Amino acid sequence: MRSPTSYCSSCNARIFWAKTGSDKAIPLDLASVPKADHGKLSLRYSAVEGHVVHFTTCTNPQRKRGA
């Protein structure tokens, strides 16, 4: 099974993969995921819980798009 944490291919930041309400993968900033949840293999994205979507904080988003 794939680890829920990896590195952003654009900026190399540590990210946590979660699921949206429609079961699509979404990268979260690892710092926004409570340490107690780091070992979970499955986590639901929740703005209420304070999760931050990595797309909003990526320092090199154009690299992924090929620009």
PDB file of N, CA and C in Angstrom:
ATOM      1  N   MET A   1       0.837  -1.185   0.000  1.00  0.00           N
ATOM      2  CA  MET A   1       0.000   0.000   0.000  1.00  0.00           C
ATOM      3  C   MET A   1       0.880   1.246   0.000  1.00  0.00           C
ATOM      4  N   ARG A   2       0.457   2.266  -0.748  1.00  0.00           N
ATOM      5  CA  ARG A   2       1.199   3.516  -0.861  1.00  0.00           C
ATOM      6  C   ARG A   2       1.161   4.294   0.450  1.00  0.00           C
ATOM      7  N   SER A   3       2.266   4.928   0.770  1.00  0.00           N
ATOM      8  CA  SER A   3       2.337   5.766   1.961  1.00  0.00           C
ATOM      9  C   SER A   3       1.484   7.015   1.750  1.00  0.00           C
ATOM     10  N   PRO A   4       0.817   7.494   2.800  1.00  0.00           N
ATOM     11  CA  PRO A   4       0.009   8.701   2.637  1.00  0.00           C
ATOM     12  C   PRO A   4       0.850   9.980   2.568  1.00  0.00           C
ATOM     13  N   THR A   5       2.154   9.868   2.830  1.00  0.00           N
ATOM     14  CA  THR A   5       3.006  11.052   2.737  1.00  0.00           C
ATOM     15  C   THR A   5       3.982  10.893   1.580  1.00  0.00           C
ATOM     16  N   SER A   6       4.299  12.016   0.963  1.00  0.00           N
ATOM     17  CA  SER A   6       5.296  12.032  -0.104  1.00  0.00           C
ATOM     18  C   SER A   6       5.808  13.466  -0.233  1.00  0.00           C
ATOM     19  N   TYR A   7       6.468  13.752  -1.336  1.00  0.00           N
ATOM     20  CA  TYR A   7       7.002  15.090  -1.581  1.00  0.00           C
ATOM     21  C   TYR A   7       6.386  15.663  -2.846  1.00  0.00           C
ATOM     22  N   CYS A   8       6.087  16.931  -2.829  1.00  0.00           N
ATOM     23  CA  CYS A   8       5.541  17.621  -3.992  1.00  0.00           C
ATOM     24  C   CYS A   8       6.584  17.583  -5.115  1.00  0.00           C
ATOM     25  N   SER A   9       6.162  17.200  -6.316  1.00  0.00           N
ATOM     26  CA  SER A   9       7.106  17.118  -7.429  1.00  0.00           C
ATOM     27  C   SER A   9       7.484  18.501  -7.973  1.00  0.00           C
ATOM     28  N   SER A  10       6.777  19.540  -7.562  1.00  0.00           N
ATOM     29  CA  SER A  10       7.099  20.896  -8.017  1.00  0.00           C
ATOM     30  C   SER A  10       8.018  21.648  -7.063  1.00  0.00           C
ATOM     31  N   CYS A  11       7.724  21.576  -5.766  1.00  0.00           N
ATOM     32  CA  CYS A  11       8.503  22.366  -4.801  1.00  0.00           C
ATOM     33  C   CYS A  11       9.229  21.513  -3.762  1.00  0.00           C
ATOM     34  N   ASN A  12       9.008  20.208  -3.790  1.00  0.00           N
ATOM     35  CA  ASN A  12       9.665  19.248  -2.891  1.00  0.00           C
ATOM     36  C   ASN A  12       9.230  19.356  -1.433  1.00  0.00           C
ATOM     37  N   ALA A  13       8.104  20.025  -1.175  1.00  0.00           N
ATOM     38  CA  ALA A  13       7.571  20.107   0.196  1.00  0.00           C
ATOM     39  C   ALA A  13       6.957  18.755   0.575  1.00  0.00           C
ATOM     40  N   ARG A  14       6.964  18.458   1.855  1.00  0.00           N
ATOM     41  CA  ARG A  14       6.347  17.218   2.350  1.00  0.00           C
ATOM     42  C   ARG A  14       4.830  17.393   2.333  1.00  0.00           C
ATOM     43  N   ILE A  15       4.109  16.436   1.743  1.00  0.00           N
ATOM     44  CA  ILE A  15       2.659  16.509   1.645  1.00  0.00           C
ATOM     45  C   ILE A  15       2.011  15.229   2.159  1.00  0.00           C
ATOM     46  N   PHE A  16       0.743  15.328   2.484  1.00  0.00           N
ATOM     47  CA  PHE A  16      -0.053  14.197   2.955  1.00  0.00           C
ATOM     48  C   PHE A  16      -1.206  14.027   1.974  1.00  0.00           C
ATOM     49  N   TRP A  17      -1.356  12.829   1.439  1.00  0.00           N
ATOM     50  CA  TRP A  17      -2.445  12.553   0.505  1.00  0.00           C
ATOM     51  C   TRP A  17      -3.704  12.171   1.266  1.00  0.00           C
ATOM     52  N   ALA A  18      -4.780  12.901   0.988  1.00  0.00           N
ATOM     53  CA  ALA A  18      -6.074  12.633   1.604  1.00  0.00           C
ATOM     54  C   ALA A  18      -7.084  12.373   0.490  1.00  0.00           C
ATOM     55  N   LYS A  19      -8.330  12.188   0.858  1.00  0.00           N
ATOM     56  CA  LYS A  19      -9.412  11.977  -0.104  1.00  0.00           C
ATOM     57  C   LYS A  19     -10.435  13.092   0.040  1.00  0.00           C
ATOM     58  N   THR A  20     -11.012  13.485  -1.085  1.00  0.00           N
ATOM     59  CA  THR A  20     -12.098  14.454  -1.063  1.00  0.00           C
ATOM     60  C   THR A  20     -13.396  13.706  -0.763  1.00  0.00           C
ATOM     61  N   GLY A  21     -14.493  14.426  -0.679  1.00  0.00           N
ATOM     62  CA  GLY A  21     -15.789  13.801  -0.463  1.00  0.00           C
ATOM     63  C   GLY A  21     -16.184  12.862  -1.590  1.00  0.00           C
ATOM     64  N   SER A  22     -15.624  13.090  -2.790  1.00  0.00           N
ATOM     65  CA  SER A  22     -15.924  12.229  -3.931  1.00  0.00           C
ATOM     66  C   SER A  22     -14.806  11.216  -4.193  1.00  0.00           C
ATOM     67  N   ASP A  23     -14.005  10.948  -3.165  1.00  0.00           N
ATOM     68  CA  ASP A  23     -12.936   9.941  -3.202  1.00  0.00           C
ATOM     69  C   ASP A  23     -11.796  10.237  -4.184  1.00  0.00           C
ATOM     70  N   LYS A  24     -11.573  11.489  -4.499  1.00  0.00           N
ATOM     71  CA  LYS A  24     -10.427  11.845  -5.324  1.00  0.00           C
ATOM     72  C   LYS A  24      -9.262  12.221  -4.416  1.00  0.00           C
ATOM     73  N   ALA A  25      -8.041  11.903  -4.859  1.00  0.00           N
ATOM     74  CA  ALA A  25      -6.849  12.226  -4.073  1.00  0.00           C
ATOM     75  C   ALA A  25      -6.606  13.726  -4.077  1.00  0.00           C
ATOM     76  N   ILE A  26      -6.195  14.244  -2.918  1.00  0.00           N
ATOM     77  CA  ILE A  26      -5.901  15.672  -2.785  1.00  0.00           C
ATOM     78  C   ILE A  26      -4.681  15.831  -1.870  1.00  0.00           C
ATOM     79  N   PRO A  27      -3.680  16.636  -2.302  1.00  0.00           N
ATOM     80  CA  PRO A  27      -2.492  16.824  -1.468  1.00  0.00           C
ATOM     81  C   PRO A  27      -2.721  17.910  -0.419  1.00  0.00           C
ATOM     82  N   LEU A  28      -2.357  17.608   0.811  1.00  0.00           N
ATOM     83  CA  LEU A  28      -2.461  18.571   1.908  1.00  0.00           C
ATOM     84  C   LEU A  28      -1.073  18.918   2.409  1.00  0.00           C
ATOM     85  N   ASP A  29      -0.911  20.135   2.915  1.00  0.00           N
ATOM     86  CA  ASP A  29       0.341  20.485   3.582  1.00  0.00           C
ATOM     87  C   ASP A  29       0.450  19.609   4.823  1.00  0.00           C
ATOM     88  N   LEU A  30       1.558  18.915   4.969  1.00  0.00           N
ATOM     89  CA  LEU A  30       1.726  18.008   6.102  1.00  0.00           C
ATOM     90  C   LEU A  30       1.572  18.745   7.426  1.00  0.00           C
ATOM     91  N   ALA A  31       2.019  19.988   7.495  1.00  0.00           N
ATOM     92  CA  ALA A  31       1.925  20.752   8.739  1.00  0.00           C
ATOM     93  C   ALA A  31       0.476  21.003   9.166  1.00  0.00           C
ATOM     94  N   SER A  32      -0.466  20.915   8.232  1.00  0.00           N
ATOM     95  CA  SER A  32      -1.868  21.156   8.573  1.00  0.00           C
ATOM     96  C   SER A  32      -2.595  19.892   9.020  1.00  0.00           C
ATOM     97  N   VAL A  33      -1.900  18.757   8.971  1.00  0.00           N
ATOM     98  CA  VAL A  33      -2.486  17.482   9.410  1.00  0.00           C
ATOM     99  C   VAL A  33      -1.951  17.188  10.808  1.00  0.00           C
ATOM    100  N   PRO A  34      -2.833  17.036  11.807  1.00  0.00           N
ATOM    101  CA  PRO A  34      -2.359  16.764  13.165  1.00  0.00           C
ATOM    102  C   PRO A  34      -1.439  15.536  13.219  1.00  0.00           C
ATOM    103  N   LYS A  35      -0.399  15.622  14.030  1.00  0.00           N
ATOM    104  CA  LYS A  35       0.565  14.518  14.129  1.00  0.00           C
ATOM    105  C   LYS A  35      -0.106  13.185  14.439  1.00  0.00           C
ATOM    106  N   ALA A  36      -1.193  13.207  15.189  1.00  0.00           N
ATOM    107  CA  ALA A  36      -1.908  11.967  15.518  1.00  0.00           C
ATOM    108  C   ALA A  36      -2.460  11.296  14.259  1.00  0.00           C
ATOM    109  N   ASP A  37      -2.653  12.062  13.186  1.00  0.00           N
ATOM    110  CA  ASP A  37      -3.190  11.512  11.936  1.00  0.00           C
ATOM    111  C   ASP A  37      -2.118  11.097  10.943  1.00  0.00           C
ATOM    112  N   HIS A  38      -0.858  11.398  11.204  1.00  0.00           N
ATOM    113  CA  HIS A  38       0.221  11.096  10.256  1.00  0.00           C
ATOM    114  C   HIS A  38       0.336   9.612   9.946  1.00  0.00           C
ATOM    115  N   GLY A  39       0.012   8.750  10.855  1.00  0.00           N
ATOM    116  CA  GLY A  39       0.127   7.313  10.625  1.00  0.00           C
ATOM    117  C   GLY A  39      -1.072   6.692   9.936  1.00  0.00           C
ATOM    118  N   LYS A  40      -2.116   7.467   9.733  1.00  0.00           N
ATOM    119  CA  LYS A  40      -3.322   6.929   9.090  1.00  0.00           C
ATOM    120  C   LYS A  40      -3.076   6.701   7.604  1.00  0.00           C
ATOM    121  N   LEU A  41      -3.626   5.625   7.089  1.00  0.00           N
ATOM    122  CA  LEU A  41      -3.490   5.342   5.670  1.00  0.00           C
ATOM    123  C   LEU A  41      -4.585   6.028   4.857  1.00  0.00           C
ATOM    124  N   SER A  42      -5.637   6.457   5.532  1.00  0.00           N
ATOM    125  CA  SER A  42      -6.730   7.119   4.843  1.00  0.00           C
ATOM    126  C   SER A  42      -7.227   8.280   5.695  1.00  0.00           C
ATOM    127  N   LEU A  43      -7.388   9.422   5.080  1.00  0.00           N
ATOM    128  CA  LEU A  43      -7.844  10.615   5.783  1.00  0.00           C
ATOM    129  C   LEU A  43      -8.723  11.412   4.835  1.00  0.00           C
ATOM    130  N   ARG A  44      -9.792  11.973   5.337  1.00  0.00           N
ATOM    131  CA  ARG A  44     -10.687  12.825   4.545  1.00  0.00           C
ATOM    132  C   ARG A  44     -10.278  14.278   4.714  1.00  0.00           C
ATOM    133  N   TYR A  45     -10.209  14.995   3.595  1.00  0.00           N
ATOM    134  CA  TYR A  45      -9.925  16.423   3.626  1.00  0.00           C
ATOM    135  C   TYR A  45     -11.070  17.140   4.328  1.00  0.00           C
ATOM    136  N   SER A  46     -10.724  18.078   5.197  1.00  0.00           N
ATOM    137  CA  SER A  46     -11.728  18.870   5.887  1.00  0.00           C
ATOM    138  C   SER A  46     -11.188  20.261   6.173  1.00  0.00           C
ATOM    139  N   ALA A  47     -11.789  21.267   5.559  1.00  0.00           N
ATOM    140  CA  ALA A  47     -11.389  22.650   5.838  1.00  0.00           C
ATOM    141  C   ALA A  47     -11.709  22.997   7.285  1.00  0.00           C
ATOM    142  N   VAL A  48     -12.761  22.400   7.815  1.00  0.00           N
ATOM    143  CA  VAL A  48     -13.155  22.641   9.206  1.00  0.00           C
ATOM    144  C   VAL A  48     -12.059  22.179  10.159  1.00  0.00           C
ATOM    145  N   GLU A  49     -11.382  21.086   9.819  1.00  0.00           N
ATOM    146  CA  GLU A  49     -10.289  20.564  10.649  1.00  0.00           C
ATOM    147  C   GLU A  49      -9.008  21.383  10.476  1.00  0.00           C
ATOM    148  N   GLY A  50      -9.015  22.328   9.546  1.00  0.00           N
ATOM    149  CA  GLY A  50      -7.836  23.172   9.336  1.00  0.00           C
ATOM    150  C   GLY A  50      -6.859  22.641   8.315  1.00  0.00           C
ATOM    151  N   HIS A  51      -7.246  21.618   7.560  1.00  0.00           N
ATOM    152  CA  HIS A  51      -6.356  21.096   6.526  1.00  0.00           C
ATOM    153  C   HIS A  51      -6.145  22.148   5.446  1.00  0.00           C
ATOM    154  N   VAL A  52      -4.910  22.268   4.987  1.00  0.00           N
ATOM    155  CA  VAL A  52      -4.562  23.235   3.950  1.00  0.00           C
ATOM    156  C   VAL A  52      -4.198  22.465   2.680  1.00  0.00           C
ATOM    157  N   VAL A  53      -4.904  22.748   1.592  1.00  0.00           N
ATOM    158  CA  VAL A  53      -4.631  22.097   0.314  1.00  0.00           C
ATOM    159  C   VAL A  53      -3.307  22.633  -0.221  1.00  0.00           C
ATOM    160  N   HIS A  54      -2.402  21.727  -0.573  1.00  0.00           N
ATOM    161  CA  HIS A  54      -1.059  22.137  -0.978  1.00  0.00           C
ATOM    162  C   HIS A  54      -1.052  23.004  -2.235  1.00  0.00           C
ATOM    163  N   PHE A  55      -2.038  22.861  -3.107  1.00  0.00           N
ATOM    164  CA  PHE A  55      -2.094  23.698  -4.304  1.00  0.00           C
ATOM    165  C   PHE A  55      -2.071  25.186  -3.954  1.00  0.00           C
ATOM    166  N   THR A  56      -2.579  25.556  -2.802  1.00  0.00           N
ATOM    167  CA  THR A  56      -2.649  26.967  -2.410  1.00  0.00           C
ATOM    168  C   THR A  56      -1.340  27.495  -1.834  1.00  0.00           C
ATOM    169  N   THR A  57      -0.428  26.610  -1.438  1.00  0.00           N
ATOM    170  CA  THR A  57       0.816  27.052  -0.802  1.00  0.00           C
ATOM    171  C   THR A  57       2.076  26.641  -1.561  1.00  0.00           C
ATOM    172  N   CYS A  58       1.930  25.880  -2.634  1.00  0.00           N
ATOM    173  CA  CYS A  58       3.091  25.411  -3.393  1.00  0.00           C
ATOM    174  C   CYS A  58       3.917  26.603  -3.855  1.00  0.00           C
ATOM    175  N   THR A  59       5.213  26.558  -3.609  1.00  0.00           N
ATOM    176  CA  THR A  59       6.087  27.678  -3.958  1.00  0.00           C
ATOM    177  C   THR A  59       6.555  27.630  -5.412  1.00  0.00           C
ATOM    178  N   ASN A  60       6.262  26.565  -6.129  1.00  0.00           N
ATOM    179  CA  ASN A  60       6.680  26.441  -7.525  1.00  0.00           C
ATOM    180  C   ASN A  60       5.579  25.759  -8.346  1.00  0.00           C
ATOM    181  N   PRO A  61       4.348  26.285  -8.334  1.00  0.00           N
ATOM    182  CA  PRO A  61       3.235  25.599  -8.999  1.00  0.00           C
ATOM    183  C   PRO A  61       3.373  25.521 -10.516  1.00  0.00           C
ATOM    184  N   GLN A  62       4.080  26.452 -11.143  1.00  0.00           N
ATOM    185  CA  GLN A  62       4.210  26.437 -12.603  1.00  0.00           C
ATOM    186  C   GLN A  62       5.067  25.269 -13.095  1.00  0.00           C
ATOM    187  N   ARG A  63       5.978  24.793 -12.274  1.00  0.00           N
ATOM    188  CA  ARG A  63       6.844  23.692 -12.687  1.00  0.00           C
ATOM    189  C   ARG A  63       6.018  22.456 -13.034  1.00  0.00           C
ATOM    190  N   LYS A  64       4.989  22.171 -12.250  1.00  0.00           N
ATOM    191  CA  LYS A  64       4.131  21.014 -12.480  1.00  0.00           C
ATOM    192  C   LYS A  64       3.368  21.157 -13.795  1.00  0.00           C
ATOM    193  N   ARG A  65       2.993  22.370 -14.138  1.00  0.00           N
ATOM    194  CA  ARG A  65       2.212  22.615 -15.351  1.00  0.00           C
ATOM    195  C   ARG A  65       3.096  22.710 -16.600  1.00  0.00           C
ATOM    196  N   GLY A  66       4.402  22.648 -16.408  1.00  0.00           N
ATOM    197  CA  GLY A  66       5.307  22.696 -17.547  1.00  0.00           C
ATOM    198  C   GLY A  66       5.586  24.091 -18.077  1.00  0.00           C
ATOM    199  N   ALA A  67       5.240  25.109 -17.323  1.00  0.00           N
ATOM    200  CA  ALA A  67       5.482  26.485 -17.780  1.00  0.00           C
ATOM    201  C   ALA A  67       6.848  26.974 -17.359  1.00  0.00           C
TER     202      ALA A  67
END
